[in-house]
Amino acid sequence: MQSDISLDEISPSTRCVVNNEIISLSSALSSTSDEEDEEESGYFDDVFSMVKSHCQIERLEDLNWYHSNMTRHTSEALLLANGVEGSYLLRSSQDQPGSYAVSVRCQDSIKHFSLEMIGCKGSYTFGIGSFDTLKELLDHFECMPVLGTGSGSSVTLKHAYLNDIPEPCTYEKVVRHSEQGKTYTLTPQQRDLPPDFHIASKEGYLIKRGAIHKNWKKRWFLLQKNHLQYFKDNNKNREVIRTVNLEDAVLVAEVFMDKKDHCFRLELPYRNFYFVASSHEERNSWMYMLQWKIDYYKKRKEEAGNMILPNDQPFFISFPALPR
């Protein structure tokens, strides 16, 4: 079997992942001899096939780690449940048609980065990098880029989450089938508030003001669902110092305290928490996420108090939207 791609078309430094091994095409081909058996020949034909398919990718939608019609929420749920640190996937941005988002699993949260195609020229911007061609962009991802953020953390894009993960095709047999009744036909005692499915995660370093000694200490913060947790540092064996329930939060606001820049306050009925972020942008990011959570849980409480409805009126809850 002869391949229609020659060694001259491949850079000596080109590398491909084959059977979980990284090999150099140039060195691998130079080591072959006329005495190699058919199995070895087929091995290198597979290598050529992979390089050829890489060269034939003409658009981002052709990538096997592009997930069409995936929302921000679905990407967070998928990567948190099934990914590992450094797992990433590409999806279309729902807020900005024509743009893309790279969703990446960090230690305990998901970060979303914008990837944009510039006009019709086929050039791209990702992070603070610019790439003249799609091939340059894909070569960048193959080199496992390291992205540093304003939160003081960095993440390495190691594992592409493919869109064709194999699963067995089995189905459960239904042996009993009944109905409980429509939500609005149930009594108020029978009705449940819809489950809290949202995630909206964020993590990073903030400087926190102590409640008693009023000193400032750097802490690692993790925001997930209704919990804001903080730790002494970002070690894997870290222990939670405190968990704040954001369902009780009242507001978040910018403040100026102890002559510190980028300071903001999280107000709860029993205490005010004061934080300092590393930059103006990072402070705004934390404030936005916290205020979104406050509005979200305020809406849930209001709707929970209005669950006694006429029998002919369905029960629905709507919530504010996050960037997608």
C-alpha atoms as a PDB file:
ATOM      1  CA  MET A   1       0.000   0.000   0.000  1.00  0.00           C
ATOM      2  CA  GLN A   2       1.522   3.288  -1.084  1.00  0.00           C
ATOM      3  CA  SER A   3       0.701   6.639   0.476  1.00  0.00           C
ATOM      4  CA  ASP A   4       0.160   9.698  -1.725  1.00  0.00           C
ATOM      5  CA  ILE A   5       1.894  12.030   0.736  1.00  0.00           C
ATOM      6  CA  SER A   6       5.666  12.318   0.579  1.00  0.00           C
ATOM      7  CA  LEU A   7       8.184  12.915   3.304  1.00  0.00           C
ATOM      8  CA  ASP A   8       9.171  16.171   1.618  1.00  0.00           C
ATOM      9  CA  GLU A   9       5.751  17.588   2.472  1.00  0.00           C
ATOM     10  CA  ILE A  10       6.271  16.950   6.177  1.00  0.00           C
ATOM     11  CA  SER A  11       8.463  19.051   8.435  1.00  0.00           C
ATOM     12  CA  PRO A  12      11.210  16.979  10.147  1.00  0.00           C
ATOM     13  CA  SER A  13       9.822  18.120  13.474  1.00  0.00           C
ATOM     14  CA  THR A  14       6.268  17.042  12.661  1.00  0.00           C
ATOM     15  CA  ARG A  15       4.921  14.675  15.290  1.00  0.00           C
ATOM     16  CA  CYS A  16       1.783  12.581  15.457  1.00  0.00           C
ATOM     17  CA  VAL A  17       0.190  10.626  18.247  1.00  0.00           C
ATOM     18  CA  VAL A  18      -0.159   6.957  17.298  1.00  0.00           C
ATOM     19  CA  ASN A  19      -1.205   4.240  19.732  1.00  0.00           C
ATOM     20  CA  ASN A  20      -0.472   6.620  22.626  1.00  0.00           C
ATOM     21  CA  GLU A  21       3.140   7.081  21.493  1.00  0.00           C
ATOM     22  CA  ILE A  22       4.678  10.260  20.099  1.00  0.00           C
ATOM     23  CA  ILE A  23       7.049   9.455  17.260  1.00  0.00           C
ATOM     24  CA  SER A  24       9.061  11.519  14.825  1.00  0.00           C
ATOM     25  CA  LEU A  25       8.017  10.755  11.278  1.00  0.00           C
ATOM     26  CA  SER A  26      11.391  11.569   9.816  1.00  0.00           C
ATOM     27  CA  SER A  27      13.352   9.357  12.198  1.00  0.00           C
ATOM     28  CA  ALA A  28      10.769   6.579  12.005  1.00  0.00           C
ATOM     29  CA  LEU A  29      10.817   6.436   8.214  1.00  0.00           C
ATOM     30  CA  SER A  30      14.588   6.605   7.990  1.00  0.00           C
ATOM     31  CA  SER A  31      14.867   3.567  10.252  1.00  0.00           C
ATOM     32  CA  THR A  32      12.733   1.373   7.994  1.00  0.00           C
ATOM     33  CA  SER A  33      14.326  -1.134   5.660  1.00  0.00           C
ATOM     34  CA  ASP A  34      13.302  -3.376   2.788  1.00  0.00           C
ATOM     35  CA  GLU A  35      13.122  -6.308   5.184  1.00  0.00           C
ATOM     36  CA  GLU A  36      10.271  -4.831   7.277  1.00  0.00           C
ATOM     37  CA  ASP A  37       7.180  -7.029   7.310  1.00  0.00           C
ATOM     38  CA  GLU A  38       3.683  -6.018   6.251  1.00  0.00           C
ATOM     39  CA  GLU A  39       2.632  -5.205   9.828  1.00  0.00           C
ATOM     40  CA  GLU A  40       5.297  -2.509  10.205  1.00  0.00           C
ATOM     41  CA  SER A  41       4.489  -1.146   6.761  1.00  0.00           C
ATOM     42  CA  GLY A  42       0.838  -0.842   7.715  1.00  0.00           C
ATOM     43  CA  TYR A  43       1.870   0.949  10.926  1.00  0.00           C
ATOM     44  CA  PHE A  44       3.551   3.767   8.996  1.00  0.00           C
ATOM     45  CA  ASP A  45       0.727   3.908   6.464  1.00  0.00           C
ATOM     46  CA  ASP A  46      -1.516   4.723   9.446  1.00  0.00           C
ATOM     47  CA  VAL A  47       0.887   7.506  10.419  1.00  0.00           C
ATOM     48  CA  PHE A  48       0.740   8.974   6.910  1.00  0.00           C
ATOM     49  CA  SER A  49      -3.041   8.705   6.946  1.00  0.00           C
ATOM     50  CA  MET A  50      -3.272  10.712  10.169  1.00  0.00           C
ATOM     51  CA  VAL A  51      -0.984  13.441   8.874  1.00  0.00           C
ATOM     52  CA  LYS A  52      -2.876  13.561   5.611  1.00  0.00           C
ATOM     53  CA  SER A  53      -6.240  13.893   7.389  1.00  0.00           C
ATOM     54  CA  HIS A  54      -4.776  16.680   9.527  1.00  0.00           C
ATOM     55  CA  CYS A  55      -3.694  18.509   6.380  1.00  0.00           C
ATOM     56  CA  GLN A  56      -7.166  18.091   4.860  1.00  0.00           C
ATOM     57  CA  ILE A  57      -9.018  19.870   7.704  1.00  0.00           C
ATOM     58  CA  GLU A  58     -10.403  23.024   6.137  1.00  0.00           C
ATOM     59  CA  ARG A  59     -12.586  24.380   8.947  1.00  0.00           C
ATOM     60  CA  LEU A  60     -12.906  24.156  12.704  1.00  0.00           C
ATOM     61  CA  GLU A  61     -16.166  22.214  12.430  1.00  0.00           C
ATOM     62  CA  ASP A  62     -14.207  19.311  10.903  1.00  0.00           C
ATOM     63  CA  LEU A  63     -12.198  18.749  14.097  1.00  0.00           C
ATOM     64  CA  ASN A  64     -13.053  15.622  16.059  1.00  0.00           C
ATOM     65  CA  TRP A  65     -13.072  17.705  19.262  1.00  0.00           C
ATOM     66  CA  TYR A  66     -15.597  20.234  17.955  1.00  0.00           C
ATOM     67  CA  HIS A  67     -18.982  19.723  19.625  1.00  0.00           C
ATOM     68  CA  SER A  68     -21.829  21.199  17.615  1.00  0.00           C
ATOM     69  CA  ASN A  69     -24.859  22.719  19.357  1.00  0.00           C
ATOM     70  CA  MET A  70     -23.220  22.442  22.783  1.00  0.00           C
ATOM     71  CA  THR A  71     -24.150  25.076  25.350  1.00  0.00           C
ATOM     72  CA  ARG A  72     -21.934  26.583  28.034  1.00  0.00           C
ATOM     73  CA  HIS A  73     -23.848  24.674  30.706  1.00  0.00           C
ATOM     74  CA  THR A  74     -23.513  21.339  28.907  1.00  0.00           C
ATOM     75  CA  SER A  75     -19.767  21.822  28.426  1.00  0.00           C
ATOM     76  CA  GLU A  76     -19.319  22.557  32.156  1.00  0.00           C
ATOM     77  CA  ALA A  77     -21.412  19.559  33.198  1.00  0.00           C
ATOM     78  CA  LEU A  78     -19.602  17.240  30.764  1.00  0.00           C
ATOM     79  CA  LEU A  79     -16.044  18.317  31.607  1.00  0.00           C
ATOM     80  CA  LEU A  80     -16.611  18.430  35.374  1.00  0.00           C
ATOM     81  CA  ALA A  81     -18.281  15.013  35.413  1.00  0.00           C
ATOM     82  CA  ASN A  82     -16.119  13.160  32.915  1.00  0.00           C
ATOM     83  CA  GLY A  83     -13.024  15.217  32.123  1.00  0.00           C
ATOM     84  CA  VAL A  84      -9.688  15.566  33.864  1.00  0.00           C
ATOM     85  CA  GLU A  85      -7.577  18.629  34.480  1.00  0.00           C
ATOM     86  CA  GLY A  86      -6.436  19.860  31.072  1.00  0.00           C
ATOM     87  CA  SER A  87      -9.371  18.385  29.124  1.00  0.00           C
ATOM     88  CA  TYR A  88     -10.797  20.781  26.555  1.00  0.00           C
ATOM     89  CA  LEU A  89     -13.306  20.985  23.744  1.00  0.00           C
ATOM     90  CA  LEU A  90     -14.369  23.428  21.057  1.00  0.00           C
ATOM     91  CA  ARG A  91     -17.922  24.677  20.644  1.00  0.00           C
ATOM     92  CA  SER A  92     -19.727  27.513  18.907  1.00  0.00           C
ATOM     93  CA  SER A  93     -20.400  30.665  20.888  1.00  0.00           C
ATOM     94  CA  GLN A  94     -24.127  31.151  21.345  1.00  0.00           C
ATOM     95  CA  ASP A  95     -23.795  34.835  22.244  1.00  0.00           C
ATOM     96  CA  GLN A  96     -21.522  35.737  19.326  1.00  0.00           C
ATOM     97  CA  PRO A  97     -22.552  33.974  16.098  1.00  0.00           C
ATOM     98  CA  GLY A  98     -19.543  33.077  13.973  1.00  0.00           C
ATOM     99  CA  SER A  99     -17.231  32.895  16.983  1.00  0.00           C
ATOM    100  CA  TYR A 100     -16.112  29.892  18.998  1.00  0.00           C
ATOM    101  CA  ALA A 101     -15.383  29.038  22.623  1.00  0.00           C
ATOM    102  CA  VAL A 102     -12.742  26.690  24.001  1.00  0.00           C
ATOM    103  CA  SER A 103     -13.990  25.205  27.281  1.00  0.00           C
ATOM    104  CA  VAL A 104     -11.226  23.856  29.526  1.00  0.00           C
ATOM    105  CA  ARG A 105     -11.353  21.762  32.701  1.00  0.00           C
ATOM    106  CA  CYS A 106      -9.190  23.280  35.417  1.00  0.00           C
ATOM    107  CA  GLN A 107      -8.749  21.728  38.827  1.00  0.00           C
ATOM    108  CA  ASP A 108     -12.347  22.139  40.012  1.00  0.00           C
ATOM    109  CA  SER A 109     -13.880  24.599  37.580  1.00  0.00           C
ATOM    110  CA  ILE A 110     -14.323  25.258  33.882  1.00  0.00           C
ATOM    111  CA  LYS A 111     -12.810  28.226  32.091  1.00  0.00           C
ATOM    112  CA  HIS A 112     -14.085  29.430  28.741  1.00  0.00           C
ATOM    113  CA  PHE A 113     -11.806  31.165  26.233  1.00  0.00           C
ATOM    114  CA  SER A 114     -12.811  32.964  23.061  1.00  0.00           C
ATOM    115  CA  LEU A 115     -11.524  31.776  19.679  1.00  0.00           C
ATOM    116  CA  GLU A 116     -12.342  34.034  16.744  1.00  0.00           C
ATOM    117  CA  MET A 117     -11.855  33.884  13.014  1.00  0.00           C
ATOM    118  CA  ILE A 118     -10.845  37.227  11.555  1.00  0.00           C
ATOM    119  CA  GLY A 119     -13.065  38.112   8.605  1.00  0.00           C
ATOM    120  CA  CYS A 120     -12.876  35.746   5.646  1.00  0.00           C
ATOM    121  CA  LYS A 121      -9.076  35.616   5.558  1.00  0.00           C
ATOM    122  CA  GLY A 122      -8.832  32.347   7.465  1.00  0.00           C
ATOM    123  CA  SER A 123      -6.736  33.835  10.276  1.00  0.00           C
ATOM    124  CA  TYR A 124      -7.557  33.335  13.945  1.00  0.00           C
ATOM    125  CA  THR A 125      -7.067  34.853  17.393  1.00  0.00           C
ATOM    126  CA  PHE A 126      -6.899  32.731  20.536  1.00  0.00           C
ATOM    127  CA  GLY A 127      -5.822  34.103  23.877  1.00  0.00           C
ATOM    128  CA  ILE A 128      -3.239  36.759  23.041  1.00  0.00           C
ATOM    129  CA  GLY A 129      -1.973  34.830  20.025  1.00  0.00           C
ATOM    130  CA  SER A 130      -2.711  35.358  16.328  1.00  0.00           C
ATOM    131  CA  PHE A 131      -2.528  32.615  13.711  1.00  0.00           C
ATOM    132  CA  ASP A 132      -2.467  33.290   9.972  1.00  0.00           C
ATOM    133  CA  THR A 133      -3.819  29.885   8.968  1.00  0.00           C
ATOM    134  CA  LEU A 134      -5.905  27.080  10.420  1.00  0.00           C
ATOM    135  CA  LYS A 135      -2.847  24.814  10.285  1.00  0.00           C
ATOM    136  CA  GLU A 136      -0.882  27.215  12.487  1.00  0.00           C
ATOM    137  CA  LEU A 137      -3.746  27.249  14.982  1.00  0.00           C
ATOM    138  CA  LEU A 138      -3.981  23.457  15.095  1.00  0.00           C
ATOM    139  CA  ASP A 139      -0.201  23.144  15.437  1.00  0.00           C
ATOM    140  CA  HIS A 140      -0.496  25.444  18.450  1.00  0.00           C
ATOM    141  CA  PHE A 141      -3.054  23.142  20.092  1.00  0.00           C
ATOM    142  CA  GLU A 142      -0.861  20.103  19.381  1.00  0.00           C
ATOM    143  CA  CYS A 143       1.913  21.799  21.369  1.00  0.00           C
ATOM    144  CA  MET A 144      -0.314  21.808  24.502  1.00  0.00           C
ATOM    145  CA  PRO A 145      -0.660  25.577  25.064  1.00  0.00           C
ATOM    146  CA  VAL A 146      -0.453  26.928  28.600  1.00  0.00           C
ATOM    147  CA  LEU A 147      -2.964  29.693  29.363  1.00  0.00           C
ATOM    148  CA  GLY A 148      -2.467  32.020  32.314  1.00  0.00           C
ATOM    149  CA  THR A 149      -5.465  33.950  33.621  1.00  0.00           C
ATOM    150  CA  GLY A 150      -6.009  36.990  35.788  1.00  0.00           C
ATOM    151  CA  SER A 151      -7.053  34.744  38.681  1.00  0.00           C
ATOM    152  CA  GLY A 152      -3.419  33.803  39.237  1.00  0.00           C
ATOM    153  CA  SER A 153      -3.804  30.296  37.875  1.00  0.00           C
ATOM    154  CA  SER A 154      -2.778  28.623  34.639  1.00  0.00           C
ATOM    155  CA  VAL A 155      -4.088  25.637  32.747  1.00  0.00           C
ATOM    156  CA  THR A 156      -2.413  23.409  30.164  1.00  0.00           C
ATOM    157  CA  LEU A 157      -4.570  22.150  27.303  1.00  0.00           C
ATOM    158  CA  LYS A 158      -3.551  18.483  27.312  1.00  0.00           C
ATOM    159  CA  HIS A 159      -6.494  16.281  26.363  1.00  0.00           C
ATOM    160  CA  ALA A 160      -8.962  17.037  23.590  1.00  0.00           C
ATOM    161  CA  TYR A 161     -12.418  15.745  24.528  1.00  0.00           C
ATOM    162  CA  LEU A 162     -13.506  13.982  21.353  1.00  0.00           C
ATOM    163  CA  ASN A 163     -17.029  14.117  19.973  1.00  0.00           C
ATOM    164  CA  ASP A 164     -17.187  10.401  19.132  1.00  0.00           C
ATOM    165  CA  ILE A 165     -16.482   8.684  22.451  1.00  0.00           C
ATOM    166  CA  PRO A 166     -17.683   5.063  22.072  1.00  0.00           C
ATOM    167  CA  GLU A 167     -20.451   3.827  24.349  1.00  0.00           C
ATOM    168  CA  PRO A 168     -22.438   0.564  24.248  1.00  0.00           C
ATOM    169  CA  CYS A 169     -25.875   0.705  22.637  1.00  0.00           C
ATOM    170  CA  THR A 170     -28.080  -0.852  25.299  1.00  0.00           C
ATOM    171  CA  TYR A 171     -31.540   0.107  26.550  1.00  0.00           C
ATOM    172  CA  GLU A 172     -33.457  -0.728  29.697  1.00  0.00           C
ATOM    173  CA  LYS A 173     -36.727  -2.612  29.456  1.00  0.00           C
ATOM    174  CA  VAL A 174     -39.678  -0.849  31.063  1.00  0.00           C
ATOM    175  CA  VAL A 175     -41.664  -3.209  33.289  1.00  0.00           C
ATOM    176  CA  ARG A 176     -43.848  -0.618  35.077  1.00  0.00           C
ATOM    177  CA  HIS A 177     -45.223   2.652  33.723  1.00  0.00           C
ATOM    178  CA  SER A 178     -47.533   5.190  35.396  1.00  0.00           C
ATOM    179  CA  GLU A 179     -48.118   8.909  35.875  1.00  0.00           C
ATOM    180  CA  GLN A 180     -47.931  11.008  39.022  1.00  0.00           C
ATOM    181  CA  GLY A 181     -49.801  13.993  37.613  1.00  0.00           C
ATOM    182  CA  LYS A 182     -48.998  17.381  36.128  1.00  0.00           C
ATOM    183  CA  THR A 183     -47.173  19.834  38.339  1.00  0.00           C
ATOM    184  CA  TYR A 184     -50.018  22.313  38.568  1.00  0.00           C
ATOM    185  CA  THR A 185     -52.531  19.575  39.551  1.00  0.00           C
ATOM    186  CA  LEU A 186     -50.493  18.630  42.628  1.00  0.00           C
ATOM    187  CA  THR A 187     -51.177  20.076  46.049  1.00  0.00           C
ATOM    188  CA  PRO A 188     -48.720  22.694  47.364  1.00  0.00           C
ATOM    189  CA  GLN A 189     -47.324  20.043  49.718  1.00  0.00           C
ATOM    190  CA  GLN A 190     -46.604  17.738  46.778  1.00  0.00           C
ATOM    191  CA  ARG A 191     -44.857  20.301  44.622  1.00  0.00           C
ATOM    192  CA  ASP A 192     -41.071  20.502  44.581  1.00  0.00           C
ATOM    193  CA  LEU A 193     -38.936  23.444  43.547  1.00  0.00           C
ATOM    194  CA  PRO A 194     -37.203  22.504  40.280  1.00  0.00           C
ATOM    195  CA  PRO A 195     -33.688  21.093  40.884  1.00  0.00           C
ATOM    196  CA  ASP A 196     -30.781  23.508  40.784  1.00  0.00           C
ATOM    197  CA  PHE A 197     -28.988  22.257  37.669  1.00  0.00           C
ATOM    198  CA  HIS A 198     -26.812  25.299  37.023  1.00  0.00           C
ATOM    199  CA  ILE A 199     -23.029  25.259  37.660  1.00  0.00           C
ATOM    200  CA  ALA A 200     -21.402  28.609  36.725  1.00  0.00           C
ATOM    201  CA  SER A 201     -17.971  27.736  38.143  1.00  0.00           C
ATOM    202  CA  LYS A 202     -14.934  29.924  38.769  1.00  0.00           C
ATOM    203  CA  GLU A 203     -11.721  29.548  40.787  1.00  0.00           C
ATOM    204  CA  GLY A 204      -8.639  31.602  41.505  1.00  0.00           C
ATOM    205  CA  TYR A 205      -6.694  33.587  44.067  1.00  0.00           C
ATOM    206  CA  LEU A 206      -8.184  36.523  45.977  1.00  0.00           C
ATOM    207  CA  ILE A 207      -6.868  38.420  48.986  1.00  0.00           C
ATOM    208  CA  LYS A 208      -9.381  38.254  51.846  1.00  0.00           C
ATOM    209  CA  ARG A 209      -9.718  40.519  54.867  1.00  0.00           C
ATOM    210  CA  GLY A 210      -9.945  38.718  58.201  1.00  0.00           C
ATOM    211  CA  ALA A 211     -13.043  39.122  60.353  1.00  0.00           C
ATOM    212  CA  ILE A 212     -11.247  39.515  63.698  1.00  0.00           C
ATOM    213  CA  HIS A 213      -7.670  40.703  63.132  1.00  0.00           C
ATOM    214  CA  LYS A 214      -8.525  42.667  59.957  1.00  0.00           C
ATOM    215  CA  ASN A 215      -5.368  41.477  58.214  1.00  0.00           C
ATOM    216  CA  TRP A 216      -5.261  40.544  54.524  1.00  0.00           C
ATOM    217  CA  LYS A 217      -4.351  37.029  53.423  1.00  0.00           C
ATOM    218  CA  LYS A 218      -4.134  35.415  50.010  1.00  0.00           C
ATOM    219  CA  ARG A 219      -6.543  32.524  49.626  1.00  0.00           C
ATOM    220  CA  TRP A 220      -7.650  30.175  46.846  1.00  0.00           C
ATOM    221  CA  PHE A 221     -11.374  30.482  46.086  1.00  0.00           C
ATOM    222  CA  LEU A 222     -13.710  28.043  44.375  1.00  0.00           C
ATOM    223  CA  LEU A 223     -17.186  29.067  43.204  1.00  0.00           C
ATOM    224  CA  GLN A 224     -19.647  26.319  42.241  1.00  0.00           C
ATOM    225  CA  LYS A 225     -23.442  26.373  42.312  1.00  0.00           C
ATOM    226  CA  ASN A 226     -24.514  28.019  45.610  1.00  0.00           C
ATOM    227  CA  HIS A 227     -21.169  27.584  47.392  1.00  0.00           C
ATOM    228  CA  LEU A 228     -18.178  29.902  47.640  1.00  0.00           C
ATOM    229  CA  GLN A 229     -15.330  28.006  49.304  1.00  0.00           C
ATOM    230  CA  TYR A 230     -11.853  29.176  50.188  1.00  0.00           C
ATOM    231  CA  PHE A 231      -8.630  27.351  50.986  1.00  0.00           C
ATOM    232  CA  LYS A 232      -5.189  28.276  52.262  1.00  0.00           C
ATOM    233  CA  ASP A 233      -3.619  27.511  48.857  1.00  0.00           C
ATOM    234  CA  ASN A 234      -4.173  25.530  45.673  1.00  0.00           C
ATOM    235  CA  ASN A 235      -2.529  22.262  46.716  1.00  0.00           C
ATOM    236  CA  LYS A 236      -4.282  19.049  45.713  1.00  0.00           C
ATOM    237  CA  ASN A 237      -4.516  17.981  49.366  1.00  0.00           C
ATOM    238  CA  ARG A 238      -6.056  21.276  50.385  1.00  0.00           C
ATOM    239  CA  GLU A 239      -8.734  21.529  53.062  1.00  0.00           C
ATOM    240  CA  VAL A 240     -11.698  23.870  53.038  1.00  0.00           C
ATOM    241  CA  ILE A 241     -11.352  26.741  55.493  1.00  0.00           C
ATOM    242  CA  ARG A 242     -14.917  27.926  55.057  1.00  0.00           C
ATOM    243  CA  THR A 243     -17.959  27.505  52.814  1.00  0.00           C
ATOM    244  CA  VAL A 244     -20.249  30.464  52.211  1.00  0.00           C
ATOM    245  CA  ASN A 245     -23.828  29.733  51.133  1.00  0.00           C
ATOM    246  CA  LEU A 246     -24.660  32.261  48.424  1.00  0.00           C
ATOM    247  CA  GLU A 247     -28.386  31.657  48.822  1.00  0.00           C
ATOM    248  CA  ASP A 248     -28.079  33.997  51.830  1.00  0.00           C
ATOM    249  CA  ALA A 249     -26.052  36.680  50.020  1.00  0.00           C
ATOM    250  CA  VAL A 250     -27.565  40.144  49.651  1.00  0.00           C
ATOM    251  CA  LEU A 251     -25.311  42.015  47.241  1.00  0.00           C
ATOM    252  CA  VAL A 252     -21.789  42.472  45.906  1.00  0.00           C
ATOM    253  CA  ALA A 253     -20.319  45.930  45.464  1.00  0.00           C
ATOM    254  CA  GLU A 254     -17.077  47.745  44.702  1.00  0.00           C
ATOM    255  CA  VAL A 255     -15.438  49.359  47.743  1.00  0.00           C
ATOM    256  CA  PHE A 256     -12.246  51.211  48.611  1.00  0.00           C
ATOM    257  CA  MET A 257     -10.629  49.958  51.817  1.00  0.00           C
ATOM    258  CA  ASP A 258      -7.166  50.161  53.414  1.00  0.00           C
ATOM    259  CA  LYS A 259      -5.895  51.975  50.291  1.00  0.00           C
ATOM    260  CA  LYS A 260      -6.180  48.777  48.257  1.00  0.00           C
ATOM    261  CA  ASP A 261      -7.100  48.719  44.577  1.00  0.00           C
ATOM    262  CA  HIS A 262      -9.570  46.275  42.974  1.00  0.00           C
ATOM    263  CA  CYS A 263     -11.434  45.751  46.242  1.00  0.00           C
ATOM    264  CA  PHE A 264     -15.046  44.545  46.530  1.00  0.00           C
ATOM    265  CA  ARG A 265     -17.519  43.466  49.200  1.00  0.00           C
ATOM    266  CA  LEU A 266     -19.833  40.463  49.457  1.00  0.00           C
ATOM    267  CA  GLU A 267     -22.664  41.235  51.865  1.00  0.00           C
ATOM    268  CA  LEU A 268     -24.504  38.570  53.867  1.00  0.00           C
ATOM    269  CA  PRO A 269     -26.943  39.067  56.757  1.00  0.00           C
ATOM    270  CA  TYR A 270     -24.400  37.896  59.309  1.00  0.00           C
ATOM    271  CA  ARG A 271     -21.169  39.323  57.865  1.00  0.00           C
ATOM    272  CA  ASN A 272     -19.503  41.369  55.133  1.00  0.00           C
ATOM    273  CA  PHE A 273     -16.623  39.702  53.272  1.00  0.00           C
ATOM    274  CA  TYR A 274     -13.958  41.935  51.706  1.00  0.00           C
ATOM    275  CA  PHE A 275     -11.755  40.814  48.821  1.00  0.00           C
ATOM    276  CA  VAL A 276      -8.972  42.215  46.651  1.00  0.00           C
ATOM    277  CA  ALA A 277      -8.495  40.924  43.107  1.00  0.00           C
ATOM    278  CA  SER A 278      -5.300  41.003  41.071  1.00  0.00           C
ATOM    279  CA  SER A 279      -6.662  43.422  38.455  1.00  0.00           C
ATOM    280  CA  HIS A 280      -9.632  45.561  37.494  1.00  0.00           C
ATOM    281  CA  GLU A 281     -10.793  42.914  34.992  1.00  0.00           C
ATOM    282  CA  GLU A 282     -10.498  40.074  37.496  1.00  0.00           C
ATOM    283  CA  ARG A 283     -12.442  42.022  40.116  1.00  0.00           C
ATOM    284  CA  ASN A 284     -15.243  42.678  37.613  1.00  0.00           C
ATOM    285  CA  SER A 285     -15.288  38.999  36.666  1.00  0.00           C
ATOM    286  CA  TRP A 286     -15.743  37.877  40.271  1.00  0.00           C
ATOM    287  CA  MET A 287     -18.329  40.581  40.954  1.00  0.00           C
ATOM    288  CA  TYR A 288     -20.319  39.625  37.871  1.00  0.00           C
ATOM    289  CA  MET A 289     -20.387  35.923  38.759  1.00  0.00           C
ATOM    290  CA  LEU A 290     -21.310  36.573  42.402  1.00  0.00           C
ATOM    291  CA  GLN A 291     -24.054  39.045  41.522  1.00  0.00           C
ATOM    292  CA  TRP A 292     -25.431  36.595  38.966  1.00  0.00           C
ATOM    293  CA  LYS A 293     -25.616  33.948  41.684  1.00  0.00           C
ATOM    294  CA  ILE A 294     -27.363  36.372  44.072  1.00  0.00           C
ATOM    295  CA  ASP A 295     -29.983  37.236  41.442  1.00  0.00           C
ATOM    296  CA  TYR A 296     -30.402  33.575  40.537  1.00  0.00           C
ATOM    297  CA  TYR A 297     -31.147  32.417  44.079  1.00  0.00           C
ATOM    298  CA  LYS A 298     -33.289  35.452  44.825  1.00  0.00           C
ATOM    299  CA  LYS A 299     -35.426  34.493  41.830  1.00  0.00           C
ATOM    300  CA  ARG A 300     -35.683  30.896  43.050  1.00  0.00           C
ATOM    301  CA  LYS A 301     -36.836  32.038  46.493  1.00  0.00           C
ATOM    302  CA  GLU A 302     -39.444  34.353  45.010  1.00  0.00           C
ATOM    303  CA  GLU A 303     -40.804  31.608  42.765  1.00  0.00           C
ATOM    304  CA  ALA A 304     -40.799  29.107  45.631  1.00  0.00           C
ATOM    305  CA  GLY A 305     -43.061  31.473  47.575  1.00  0.00           C
ATOM    306  CA  ASN A 306     -45.494  31.645  44.666  1.00  0.00           C
ATOM    307  CA  MET A 307     -45.935  27.938  44.083  1.00  0.00           C
ATOM    308  CA  ILE A 308     -49.603  27.913  45.142  1.00  0.00           C
ATOM    309  CA  LEU A 309     -51.204  28.430  41.742  1.00  0.00           C
ATOM    310  CA  PRO A 310     -54.660  27.969  40.209  1.00  0.00           C
ATOM    311  CA  ASN A 311     -55.200  24.456  38.893  1.00  0.00           C
ATOM    312  CA  ASP A 312     -55.234  25.665  35.296  1.00  0.00           C
ATOM    313  CA  GLN A 313     -51.980  27.626  35.499  1.00  0.00           C
ATOM    314  CA  PRO A 314     -48.697  25.775  34.730  1.00  0.00           C
ATOM    315  CA  PHE A 315     -45.674  26.426  36.941  1.00  0.00           C
ATOM    316  CA  PHE A 316     -42.522  27.725  35.249  1.00  0.00           C
ATOM    317  CA  ILE A 317     -39.354  29.458  36.457  1.00  0.00           C
ATOM    318  CA  SER A 318     -37.121  31.686  34.346  1.00  0.00           C
ATOM    319  CA  PHE A 319     -33.616  32.761  35.313  1.00  0.00           C
ATOM    320  CA  PRO A 320     -31.093  35.374  34.155  1.00  0.00           C
ATOM    321  CA  ALA A 321     -28.738  34.309  31.406  1.00  0.00           C
ATOM    322  CA  LEU A 322     -24.979  33.767  31.662  1.00  0.00           C
ATOM    323  CA  PRO A 323     -22.636  34.454  28.732  1.00  0.00           C
ATOM    324  CA  ARG A 324     -22.604  31.360  26.535  1.00  0.00           C
END
